[in-house]
Amino acid sequence: SAVGVNRVEQEIPNASLSISKKPDLFDGATKRDVLSWIAEASAAFARFNRYGLLELVRFTDTGVEYTERDYVSVSPYTYKVPQIDKLHIRNASSNDEEILGSGENGYLIQDNPFLKPNASLYVQGRSSGSSSPSDTILSALSDVGTFNPVAADTFADWTMQAGDVVTFKSGTDIYKTPVYTMRMTWKG
């Protein structure tokens, strides 16, 4: 593997794209920087799975529901995160910017050498009539939908991991939310 770790063999969005010249940002970049740029260009994030393999993950609805008997506490935040409906790709050192979508909740990608604004000027491998790399990213980000963030203290569920979308039921309230981070403790 190019970054020195074993990875899961998987389909990666925008993987067929190639860059016509070495980006300036590669000078001094770490392998972690390059990996984060690749993940961002795939509308994903990188994580190591339970088998120690690197994988790129998007938020995925697991269908798992936690009821009051499955957790100690669930504390919903007082706001909802709206669906992402706009994408900004920006180069901070110039006036290059690309905006897709027309909504209110935008997502910013800045200084990713794999995603230059108006990518057709920089990137090779896109066939005529196909979706642009930016279209692919906006579509994936929009798939998450509106959600109500929660902080939850659950009983040991070793199957939950960052990237899962799970549902918490508290009385008549239902909170479907992505798992961004988690911490496990053992008191045994």
N, C-alpha and C. Protein backbone atom coordinates (compact mmCIF):
# COMPACT_ATOMS: atom_id res chain seq x y z
N SER A 1 0.84 -1.19 0.00
CA SER A 1 0.00 0.00 0.00
C SER A 1 0.88 1.24 0.00
N ALA A 2 0.44 2.27 -0.65
CA ALA A 2 1.24 3.48 -0.84
C ALA A 2 1.53 4.23 0.46
N VAL A 3 0.66 4.12 1.46
CA VAL A 3 0.90 4.84 2.71
C VAL A 3 1.45 3.92 3.79
N GLY A 4 1.81 2.69 3.46
CA GLY A 4 2.48 1.80 4.39
C GLY A 4 1.58 1.03 5.34
N VAL A 5 0.29 0.92 5.02
CA VAL A 5 -0.63 0.14 5.84
C VAL A 5 -1.47 -0.74 4.93
N ASN A 6 -1.96 -1.85 5.49
CA ASN A 6 -2.86 -2.71 4.72
C ASN A 6 -4.25 -2.10 4.72
N ARG A 7 -4.95 -2.25 3.62
CA ARG A 7 -6.27 -1.64 3.50
C ARG A 7 -7.30 -2.63 3.00
N VAL A 8 -8.54 -2.28 3.23
CA VAL A 8 -9.67 -3.05 2.73
C VAL A 8 -9.77 -2.81 1.22
N GLU A 9 -9.95 -3.87 0.46
CA GLU A 9 -10.19 -3.71 -0.97
C GLU A 9 -11.64 -3.26 -1.13
N GLN A 10 -11.84 -2.09 -1.70
CA GLN A 10 -13.19 -1.55 -1.81
C GLN A 10 -13.28 -0.58 -2.98
N GLU A 11 -14.51 -0.37 -3.42
CA GLU A 11 -14.79 0.64 -4.44
C GLU A 11 -14.66 2.00 -3.79
N ILE A 12 -13.92 2.89 -4.41
CA ILE A 12 -13.74 4.24 -3.88
C ILE A 12 -14.26 5.23 -4.90
N PRO A 13 -15.24 6.07 -4.51
CA PRO A 13 -15.73 7.09 -5.44
C PRO A 13 -14.58 7.99 -5.89
N ASN A 14 -14.63 8.37 -7.13
CA ASN A 14 -13.63 9.25 -7.75
C ASN A 14 -12.25 8.60 -7.87
N ALA A 15 -12.14 7.28 -7.68
CA ALA A 15 -10.85 6.59 -7.70
C ALA A 15 -10.22 6.57 -9.09
N SER A 16 -11.01 6.73 -10.13
CA SER A 16 -10.45 6.66 -11.48
C SER A 16 -9.80 7.98 -11.91
N LEU A 17 -9.90 8.98 -11.09
CA LEU A 17 -9.32 10.27 -11.44
C LEU A 17 -7.82 10.27 -11.22
N SER A 18 -7.11 11.00 -12.08
CA SER A 18 -5.67 11.16 -11.88
C SER A 18 -5.33 12.64 -12.00
N ILE A 19 -4.22 13.01 -11.44
CA ILE A 19 -3.82 14.41 -11.42
C ILE A 19 -2.70 14.60 -12.44
N SER A 20 -2.81 15.65 -13.25
CA SER A 20 -1.89 15.84 -14.36
C SER A 20 -0.51 16.33 -13.93
N LYS A 21 -0.39 16.95 -12.76
CA LYS A 21 0.92 17.38 -12.27
C LYS A 21 0.91 17.37 -10.75
N LYS A 22 2.10 17.28 -10.18
CA LYS A 22 2.23 17.22 -8.72
C LYS A 22 1.76 18.55 -8.11
N PRO A 23 0.76 18.49 -7.21
CA PRO A 23 0.28 19.71 -6.57
C PRO A 23 1.33 20.31 -5.63
N ASP A 24 1.36 21.62 -5.53
CA ASP A 24 2.30 22.31 -4.64
C ASP A 24 2.13 21.86 -3.19
N LEU A 25 0.89 21.55 -2.79
CA LEU A 25 0.64 21.15 -1.41
C LEU A 25 1.32 19.84 -1.02
N PHE A 26 1.79 19.06 -2.02
CA PHE A 26 2.46 17.80 -1.71
C PHE A 26 3.82 18.03 -1.09
N ASP A 27 4.43 19.18 -1.32
CA ASP A 27 5.72 19.48 -0.71
C ASP A 27 5.52 19.63 0.79
N GLY A 28 6.15 18.77 1.56
CA GLY A 28 6.03 18.81 3.00
C GLY A 28 4.81 18.09 3.56
N ALA A 29 4.00 17.50 2.71
CA ALA A 29 2.80 16.80 3.18
C ALA A 29 3.20 15.46 3.80
N THR A 30 2.48 15.08 4.84
CA THR A 30 2.69 13.77 5.46
C THR A 30 1.79 12.74 4.78
N LYS A 31 2.04 11.46 5.06
CA LYS A 31 1.16 10.41 4.53
C LYS A 31 -0.25 10.58 5.08
N ARG A 32 -0.35 11.06 6.31
CA ARG A 32 -1.66 11.31 6.91
C ARG A 32 -2.41 12.41 6.14
N ASP A 33 -1.69 13.46 5.73
CA ASP A 33 -2.30 14.52 4.92
C ASP A 33 -2.86 13.95 3.62
N VAL A 34 -2.03 13.17 2.93
CA VAL A 34 -2.45 12.59 1.64
C VAL A 34 -3.66 11.69 1.84
N LEU A 35 -3.63 10.86 2.89
CA LEU A 35 -4.76 9.98 3.17
C LEU A 35 -6.03 10.79 3.45
N SER A 36 -5.92 11.86 4.21
CA SER A 36 -7.12 12.67 4.50
C SER A 36 -7.65 13.33 3.23
N TRP A 37 -6.76 13.75 2.32
CA TRP A 37 -7.22 14.34 1.06
C TRP A 37 -7.93 13.30 0.19
N ILE A 38 -7.39 12.07 0.17
CA ILE A 38 -8.03 11.00 -0.60
C ILE A 38 -9.41 10.71 -0.03
N ALA A 39 -9.51 10.59 1.29
CA ALA A 39 -10.80 10.32 1.93
C ALA A 39 -11.79 11.44 1.63
N GLU A 40 -11.35 12.67 1.76
CA GLU A 40 -12.25 13.81 1.51
C GLU A 40 -12.72 13.81 0.06
N ALA A 41 -11.85 13.49 -0.87
CA ALA A 41 -12.22 13.43 -2.29
C ALA A 41 -13.17 12.27 -2.57
N SER A 42 -13.27 11.33 -1.64
CA SER A 42 -14.18 10.19 -1.77
C SER A 42 -15.44 10.39 -0.94
N ALA A 43 -15.62 11.59 -0.37
CA ALA A 43 -16.77 11.89 0.49
C ALA A 43 -16.83 10.90 1.65
N ALA A 44 -15.67 10.62 2.22
CA ALA A 44 -15.57 9.61 3.27
C ALA A 44 -14.57 10.08 4.33
N PHE A 45 -14.35 9.23 5.31
CA PHE A 45 -13.26 9.43 6.25
C PHE A 45 -12.54 8.11 6.42
N ALA A 46 -11.30 8.20 6.83
CA ALA A 46 -10.48 7.00 6.98
C ALA A 46 -10.53 6.51 8.42
N ARG A 47 -10.61 5.21 8.58
CA ARG A 47 -10.54 4.61 9.91
C ARG A 47 -9.89 3.23 9.77
N PHE A 48 -9.38 2.76 10.90
CA PHE A 48 -8.90 1.39 10.95
C PHE A 48 -10.01 0.54 11.54
N ASN A 49 -10.34 -0.55 10.86
CA ASN A 49 -11.43 -1.40 11.35
C ASN A 49 -10.92 -2.35 12.43
N ARG A 50 -11.79 -3.20 12.90
CA ARG A 50 -11.44 -4.13 13.99
C ARG A 50 -10.35 -5.14 13.60
N TYR A 51 -10.08 -5.27 12.32
CA TYR A 51 -9.07 -6.21 11.85
C TYR A 51 -7.75 -5.51 11.55
N GLY A 52 -7.68 -4.21 11.87
CA GLY A 52 -6.45 -3.45 11.67
C GLY A 52 -6.24 -2.99 10.24
N LEU A 53 -7.28 -3.09 9.41
CA LEU A 53 -7.17 -2.66 8.02
C LEU A 53 -7.74 -1.26 7.85
N LEU A 54 -7.08 -0.48 7.05
CA LEU A 54 -7.53 0.87 6.74
C LEU A 54 -8.72 0.78 5.78
N GLU A 55 -9.75 1.54 6.06
CA GLU A 55 -10.89 1.59 5.15
C GLU A 55 -11.43 3.00 5.07
N LEU A 56 -12.03 3.33 3.95
CA LEU A 56 -12.72 4.61 3.77
C LEU A 56 -14.20 4.35 4.01
N VAL A 57 -14.80 5.18 4.86
CA VAL A 57 -16.16 4.92 5.32
C VAL A 57 -17.02 6.15 5.14
N ARG A 58 -18.25 5.91 4.71
CA ARG A 58 -19.29 6.93 4.72
C ARG A 58 -20.29 6.56 5.79
N PHE A 59 -21.06 7.52 6.25
CA PHE A 59 -22.09 7.22 7.23
C PHE A 59 -23.09 6.25 6.62
N THR A 60 -23.37 5.16 7.33
CA THR A 60 -24.25 4.11 6.85
C THR A 60 -25.27 3.76 7.92
N ASP A 61 -26.53 3.74 7.53
CA ASP A 61 -27.60 3.36 8.46
C ASP A 61 -27.49 1.86 8.74
N THR A 62 -27.22 1.53 9.99
CA THR A 62 -27.04 0.13 10.38
C THR A 62 -28.37 -0.56 10.66
N GLY A 63 -29.43 0.23 10.85
CA GLY A 63 -30.71 -0.35 11.23
C GLY A 63 -30.78 -0.69 12.72
N VAL A 64 -29.71 -0.41 13.46
CA VAL A 64 -29.67 -0.72 14.90
C VAL A 64 -30.47 0.33 15.66
N GLU A 65 -31.33 -0.16 16.56
CA GLU A 65 -32.13 0.71 17.41
C GLU A 65 -31.80 0.43 18.87
N TYR A 66 -31.57 1.49 19.61
CA TYR A 66 -31.32 1.38 21.04
C TYR A 66 -32.55 1.90 21.78
N THR A 67 -33.12 1.05 22.61
CA THR A 67 -34.27 1.44 23.43
C THR A 67 -33.79 1.74 24.84
N GLU A 68 -34.69 2.13 25.70
CA GLU A 68 -34.32 2.52 27.06
C GLU A 68 -33.61 1.42 27.84
N ARG A 69 -33.78 0.17 27.46
CA ARG A 69 -33.08 -0.91 28.16
C ARG A 69 -31.65 -1.10 27.65
N ASP A 70 -31.28 -0.40 26.55
CA ASP A 70 -29.96 -0.55 25.94
C ASP A 70 -28.99 0.56 26.31
N TYR A 71 -29.46 1.56 27.04
CA TYR A 71 -28.57 2.66 27.38
C TYR A 71 -28.84 3.18 28.78
N VAL A 72 -27.83 3.88 29.32
CA VAL A 72 -27.95 4.51 30.63
C VAL A 72 -28.60 5.88 30.47
N SER A 73 -28.14 6.63 29.46
CA SER A 73 -28.71 7.95 29.23
C SER A 73 -28.59 8.33 27.76
N VAL A 74 -29.52 9.16 27.31
CA VAL A 74 -29.49 9.77 25.99
C VAL A 74 -29.82 11.24 26.18
N SER A 75 -28.91 12.09 25.75
CA SER A 75 -29.11 13.53 25.89
C SER A 75 -29.10 14.18 24.52
N PRO A 76 -30.28 14.45 23.97
CA PRO A 76 -30.33 15.10 22.65
C PRO A 76 -29.94 16.57 22.78
N TYR A 77 -29.26 17.06 21.77
CA TYR A 77 -28.95 18.49 21.71
C TYR A 77 -30.21 19.23 21.31
N THR A 78 -30.24 20.53 21.52
CA THR A 78 -31.46 21.32 21.30
C THR A 78 -31.61 21.79 19.87
N TYR A 79 -30.79 21.32 18.97
CA TYR A 79 -30.86 21.75 17.58
C TYR A 79 -30.81 20.54 16.66
N LYS A 80 -31.19 20.74 15.43
CA LYS A 80 -31.07 19.71 14.40
C LYS A 80 -30.01 20.16 13.40
N VAL A 81 -29.27 19.22 12.87
CA VAL A 81 -28.30 19.50 11.82
C VAL A 81 -29.01 19.27 10.50
N PRO A 82 -29.17 20.33 9.71
CA PRO A 82 -29.88 20.15 8.44
C PRO A 82 -29.06 19.38 7.42
N GLN A 83 -29.76 18.82 6.46
CA GLN A 83 -29.11 18.08 5.38
C GLN A 83 -28.16 19.02 4.63
N ILE A 84 -27.01 18.51 4.24
CA ILE A 84 -26.06 19.29 3.43
C ILE A 84 -26.63 19.40 2.03
N ASP A 85 -26.77 20.64 1.57
CA ASP A 85 -27.38 20.86 0.25
C ASP A 85 -26.56 21.81 -0.62
N LYS A 86 -25.34 22.08 -0.18
CA LYS A 86 -24.46 22.95 -0.96
C LYS A 86 -23.02 22.52 -0.68
N LEU A 87 -22.18 22.58 -1.70
CA LEU A 87 -20.77 22.22 -1.55
C LEU A 87 -19.91 23.36 -2.08
N HIS A 88 -18.96 23.80 -1.26
CA HIS A 88 -17.97 24.81 -1.67
C HIS A 88 -16.63 24.11 -1.76
N ILE A 89 -15.98 24.24 -2.90
CA ILE A 89 -14.60 23.76 -3.03
C ILE A 89 -13.77 25.01 -3.31
N ARG A 90 -12.78 25.23 -2.45
CA ARG A 90 -12.07 26.50 -2.50
C ARG A 90 -10.57 26.27 -2.39
N ASN A 91 -9.83 27.11 -3.12
CA ASN A 91 -8.39 27.18 -3.01
C ASN A 91 -8.10 28.49 -2.28
N ALA A 92 -7.60 28.41 -1.05
CA ALA A 92 -7.42 29.60 -0.22
C ALA A 92 -6.37 30.56 -0.76
N SER A 93 -5.41 30.06 -1.53
CA SER A 93 -4.34 30.93 -2.01
C SER A 93 -4.68 31.64 -3.32
N SER A 94 -5.87 31.44 -3.82
CA SER A 94 -6.29 32.13 -5.04
C SER A 94 -7.78 32.40 -4.93
N ASN A 95 -8.34 32.90 -5.99
CA ASN A 95 -9.78 33.15 -6.01
C ASN A 95 -10.57 31.99 -6.59
N ASP A 96 -9.91 30.84 -6.79
CA ASP A 96 -10.59 29.67 -7.36
C ASP A 96 -11.63 29.16 -6.37
N GLU A 97 -12.88 29.05 -6.84
CA GLU A 97 -13.94 28.52 -6.00
C GLU A 97 -15.00 27.90 -6.90
N GLU A 98 -15.55 26.79 -6.44
CA GLU A 98 -16.65 26.14 -7.13
C GLU A 98 -17.75 25.92 -6.10
N ILE A 99 -18.98 26.26 -6.48
CA ILE A 99 -20.12 26.07 -5.58
C ILE A 99 -21.15 25.24 -6.31
N LEU A 100 -21.57 24.14 -5.68
CA LEU A 100 -22.63 23.29 -6.22
C LEU A 100 -23.78 23.30 -5.25
N GLY A 101 -24.98 23.23 -5.75
CA GLY A 101 -26.16 23.25 -4.90
C GLY A 101 -26.57 24.68 -4.61
N SER A 102 -27.76 24.81 -4.02
CA SER A 102 -28.27 26.16 -3.79
C SER A 102 -28.94 26.30 -2.43
N GLY A 103 -28.62 25.42 -1.52
CA GLY A 103 -29.30 25.43 -0.23
C GLY A 103 -28.64 26.33 0.79
N GLU A 104 -29.00 26.08 2.04
CA GLU A 104 -28.55 26.90 3.16
C GLU A 104 -27.42 26.26 3.96
N ASN A 105 -27.30 24.92 3.92
CA ASN A 105 -26.31 24.24 4.75
C ASN A 105 -25.17 23.74 3.88
N GLY A 106 -24.13 24.54 3.76
CA GLY A 106 -23.01 24.22 2.90
C GLY A 106 -21.90 23.48 3.63
N TYR A 107 -21.14 22.73 2.87
CA TYR A 107 -19.97 22.01 3.36
C TYR A 107 -18.77 22.55 2.60
N LEU A 108 -17.70 22.90 3.31
CA LEU A 108 -16.52 23.51 2.69
C LEU A 108 -15.38 22.51 2.60
N ILE A 109 -14.82 22.40 1.41
CA ILE A 109 -13.57 21.67 1.20
C ILE A 109 -12.56 22.71 0.73
N GLN A 110 -11.50 22.86 1.50
CA GLN A 110 -10.53 23.90 1.17
C GLN A 110 -9.13 23.30 1.05
N ASP A 111 -8.45 23.68 -0.03
CA ASP A 111 -7.05 23.31 -0.27
C ASP A 111 -6.82 21.81 -0.33
N ASN A 112 -7.74 21.07 -0.94
CA ASN A 112 -7.51 19.65 -1.20
C ASN A 112 -6.92 19.56 -2.60
N PRO A 113 -5.67 19.11 -2.72
CA PRO A 113 -5.03 19.11 -4.04
C PRO A 113 -5.69 18.16 -5.05
N PHE A 114 -6.50 17.21 -4.57
CA PHE A 114 -7.21 16.32 -5.48
C PHE A 114 -8.52 16.93 -5.97
N LEU A 115 -8.95 18.01 -5.34
CA LEU A 115 -10.24 18.63 -5.67
C LEU A 115 -10.07 20.12 -5.91
N LYS A 116 -9.43 20.44 -6.97
CA LYS A 116 -9.30 21.84 -7.32
C LYS A 116 -10.66 22.33 -7.81
N PRO A 117 -11.00 23.58 -7.51
CA PRO A 117 -12.25 24.12 -8.05
C PRO A 117 -12.26 23.98 -9.57
N ASN A 118 -13.45 23.70 -10.10
CA ASN A 118 -13.61 23.48 -11.53
C ASN A 118 -12.64 22.39 -12.00
N ALA A 119 -12.78 21.22 -11.39
CA ALA A 119 -11.82 20.12 -11.50
C ALA A 119 -11.50 19.72 -12.93
N SER A 120 -12.37 19.97 -13.86
CA SER A 120 -12.09 19.54 -15.23
C SER A 120 -10.84 20.23 -15.78
N LEU A 121 -10.42 21.35 -15.17
CA LEU A 121 -9.20 22.02 -15.60
C LEU A 121 -7.95 21.30 -15.11
N TYR A 122 -8.06 20.50 -14.03
CA TYR A 122 -6.91 19.92 -13.37
C TYR A 122 -6.86 18.40 -13.41
N VAL A 123 -8.01 17.77 -13.55
CA VAL A 123 -8.11 16.34 -13.34
C VAL A 123 -8.37 15.62 -14.65
N GLN A 124 -7.73 14.44 -14.79
CA GLN A 124 -7.95 13.63 -15.97
C GLN A 124 -8.74 12.39 -15.59
N GLY A 125 -9.39 11.77 -16.52
CA GLY A 125 -10.06 10.51 -16.26
C GLY A 125 -11.57 10.64 -16.21
N ARG A 126 -12.10 11.83 -16.37
CA ARG A 126 -13.54 12.02 -16.34
C ARG A 126 -14.08 11.86 -17.76
N SER A 127 -15.04 10.99 -17.92
CA SER A 127 -15.59 10.78 -19.25
C SER A 127 -16.71 11.78 -19.51
N SER A 128 -16.95 12.06 -20.75
CA SER A 128 -17.98 13.01 -21.14
C SER A 128 -19.34 12.54 -20.64
N GLY A 129 -20.08 13.45 -20.03
CA GLY A 129 -21.43 13.14 -19.57
C GLY A 129 -21.47 12.50 -18.19
N SER A 130 -20.32 12.18 -17.60
CA SER A 130 -20.33 11.56 -16.27
C SER A 130 -20.40 12.64 -15.20
N SER A 131 -20.72 12.23 -14.00
CA SER A 131 -20.76 13.17 -12.88
C SER A 131 -19.36 13.67 -12.59
N SER A 132 -19.28 14.93 -12.19
CA SER A 132 -17.98 15.47 -11.79
C SER A 132 -17.63 14.94 -10.41
N PRO A 133 -16.36 15.01 -10.02
CA PRO A 133 -15.99 14.61 -8.66
C PRO A 133 -16.80 15.39 -7.62
N SER A 134 -17.04 16.66 -7.88
CA SER A 134 -17.81 17.49 -6.94
C SER A 134 -19.25 17.00 -6.82
N ASP A 135 -19.86 16.63 -7.94
CA ASP A 135 -21.23 16.10 -7.91
C ASP A 135 -21.32 14.84 -7.06
N THR A 136 -20.32 13.97 -7.21
CA THR A 136 -20.28 12.72 -6.44
C THR A 136 -20.21 13.00 -4.94
N ILE A 137 -19.38 13.96 -4.56
CA ILE A 137 -19.22 14.31 -3.15
C ILE A 137 -20.50 14.91 -2.59
N LEU A 138 -21.09 15.87 -3.30
CA LEU A 138 -22.33 16.50 -2.82
C LEU A 138 -23.44 15.48 -2.66
N SER A 139 -23.55 14.56 -3.58
CA SER A 139 -24.57 13.52 -3.49
C SER A 139 -24.37 12.66 -2.24
N ALA A 140 -23.14 12.27 -1.98
CA ALA A 140 -22.86 11.43 -0.81
C ALA A 140 -23.11 12.19 0.49
N LEU A 141 -22.71 13.45 0.55
CA LEU A 141 -22.93 14.24 1.77
C LEU A 141 -24.42 14.46 2.02
N SER A 142 -25.18 14.64 0.96
CA SER A 142 -26.63 14.87 1.09
C SER A 142 -27.36 13.63 1.57
N ASP A 143 -26.79 12.46 1.35
CA ASP A 143 -27.43 11.21 1.75
C ASP A 143 -27.62 11.10 3.27
N VAL A 144 -26.81 11.81 4.05
CA VAL A 144 -26.92 11.71 5.51
C VAL A 144 -28.25 12.26 6.00
N GLY A 145 -28.76 13.31 5.40
CA GLY A 145 -30.04 13.87 5.78
C GLY A 145 -29.97 14.67 7.08
N THR A 146 -31.10 15.23 7.47
CA THR A 146 -31.21 16.00 8.71
C THR A 146 -31.16 15.05 9.90
N PHE A 147 -30.45 15.44 10.96
CA PHE A 147 -30.41 14.60 12.14
C PHE A 147 -30.32 15.45 13.41
N ASN A 148 -30.69 14.83 14.51
CA ASN A 148 -30.65 15.45 15.83
C ASN A 148 -29.46 14.83 16.58
N PRO A 149 -28.38 15.58 16.82
CA PRO A 149 -27.25 14.99 17.53
C PRO A 149 -27.62 14.63 18.97
N VAL A 150 -27.02 13.57 19.46
CA VAL A 150 -27.24 13.14 20.84
C VAL A 150 -25.90 12.73 21.46
N ALA A 151 -25.84 12.84 22.77
CA ALA A 151 -24.76 12.25 23.55
C ALA A 151 -25.40 11.07 24.28
N ALA A 152 -24.84 9.90 24.14
CA ALA A 152 -25.46 8.72 24.74
C ALA A 152 -24.43 7.90 25.50
N ASP A 153 -24.90 7.31 26.57
CA ASP A 153 -24.10 6.38 27.37
C ASP A 153 -24.81 5.03 27.26
N THR A 154 -24.29 4.17 26.40
CA THR A 154 -24.94 2.88 26.14
C THR A 154 -24.23 1.77 26.91
N PHE A 155 -24.93 0.64 27.04
CA PHE A 155 -24.29 -0.55 27.58
C PHE A 155 -23.37 -1.09 26.50
N ALA A 156 -22.42 -1.90 26.88
CA ALA A 156 -21.39 -2.37 25.96
C ALA A 156 -21.98 -2.94 24.67
N ASP A 157 -21.72 -2.25 23.59
CA ASP A 157 -22.08 -2.74 22.26
C ASP A 157 -20.82 -2.62 21.41
N TRP A 158 -20.10 -3.70 21.34
CA TRP A 158 -18.82 -3.70 20.66
C TRP A 158 -18.97 -3.60 19.15
N THR A 159 -20.17 -3.68 18.65
CA THR A 159 -20.37 -3.61 17.21
C THR A 159 -20.49 -2.18 16.70
N MET A 160 -20.85 -1.23 17.56
CA MET A 160 -21.00 0.16 17.13
C MET A 160 -19.62 0.75 16.85
N GLN A 161 -19.55 1.55 15.78
CA GLN A 161 -18.29 2.23 15.48
C GLN A 161 -18.56 3.53 14.74
N ALA A 162 -17.57 4.40 14.75
CA ALA A 162 -17.70 5.67 14.04
C ALA A 162 -18.05 5.39 12.58
N GLY A 163 -19.01 6.12 12.08
CA GLY A 163 -19.50 5.91 10.71
C GLY A 163 -20.87 5.28 10.67
N ASP A 164 -21.28 4.66 11.78
CA ASP A 164 -22.62 4.06 11.84
C ASP A 164 -23.67 5.16 12.01
N VAL A 165 -24.84 4.94 11.48
CA VAL A 165 -26.01 5.75 11.79
C VAL A 165 -26.94 4.84 12.58
N VAL A 166 -27.26 5.26 13.81
CA VAL A 166 -28.07 4.45 14.71
C VAL A 166 -29.27 5.25 15.19
N THR A 167 -30.24 4.55 15.77
CA THR A 167 -31.47 5.18 16.26
C THR A 167 -31.59 4.96 17.75
N PHE A 168 -31.89 6.03 18.48
CA PHE A 168 -32.17 5.95 19.91
C PHE A 168 -33.64 6.25 20.12
N LYS A 169 -34.31 5.39 20.89
CA LYS A 169 -35.72 5.61 21.23
C LYS A 169 -35.79 5.92 22.72
N SER A 170 -36.42 7.05 23.03
CA SER A 170 -36.58 7.47 24.42
C SER A 170 -38.04 7.87 24.60
N GLY A 171 -38.83 6.98 25.20
CA GLY A 171 -40.26 7.23 25.29
C GLY A 171 -40.85 7.30 23.89
N THR A 172 -41.50 8.41 23.57
CA THR A 172 -42.06 8.58 22.22
C THR A 172 -41.09 9.30 21.28
N ASP A 173 -39.95 9.74 21.81
CA ASP A 173 -38.96 10.45 20.98
C ASP A 173 -38.03 9.47 20.28
N ILE A 174 -37.73 9.78 19.02
CA ILE A 174 -36.83 8.94 18.22
C ILE A 174 -35.73 9.84 17.66
N TYR A 175 -34.48 9.44 17.87
CA TYR A 175 -33.33 10.20 17.40
C TYR A 175 -32.47 9.31 16.52
N LYS A 176 -32.45 9.60 15.23
CA LYS A 176 -31.58 8.88 14.30
C LYS A 176 -30.36 9.77 14.08
N THR A 177 -29.19 9.25 14.40
CA THR A 177 -28.00 10.11 14.40
C THR A 177 -26.75 9.34 13.96
N PRO A 178 -25.84 10.03 13.29
CA PRO A 178 -24.57 9.39 12.94
C PRO A 178 -23.64 9.35 14.15
N VAL A 179 -22.81 8.32 14.20
CA VAL A 179 -21.81 8.19 15.26
C VAL A 179 -20.51 8.79 14.73
N TYR A 180 -20.11 9.92 15.31
CA TYR A 180 -18.86 10.57 14.92
C TYR A 180 -17.69 10.06 15.75
N THR A 181 -17.90 9.97 17.05
CA THR A 181 -16.85 9.50 17.95
C THR A 181 -17.47 8.61 19.01
N MET A 182 -16.64 7.80 19.62
CA MET A 182 -17.10 6.97 20.72
C MET A 182 -15.92 6.63 21.61
N ARG A 183 -16.23 6.32 22.84
CA ARG A 183 -15.22 5.93 23.80
C ARG A 183 -15.78 4.76 24.59
N MET A 184 -14.97 3.72 24.74
CA MET A 184 -15.42 2.57 25.53
C MET A 184 -14.60 2.51 26.82
N THR A 185 -15.29 2.21 27.91
CA THR A 185 -14.61 2.00 29.18
C THR A 185 -15.07 0.67 29.75
N TRP A 186 -14.20 0.05 30.51
CA TRP A 186 -14.50 -1.24 31.11
C TRP A 186 -14.26 -1.13 32.61
N LYS A 187 -15.26 -1.51 33.38
CA LYS A 187 -15.16 -1.45 34.84
C LYS A 187 -15.34 -2.84 35.42
N GLY A 188 -14.54 -3.78 34.95
CA GLY A 188 -14.74 -5.16 35.36
C GLY A 188 -13.59 -5.79 36.06
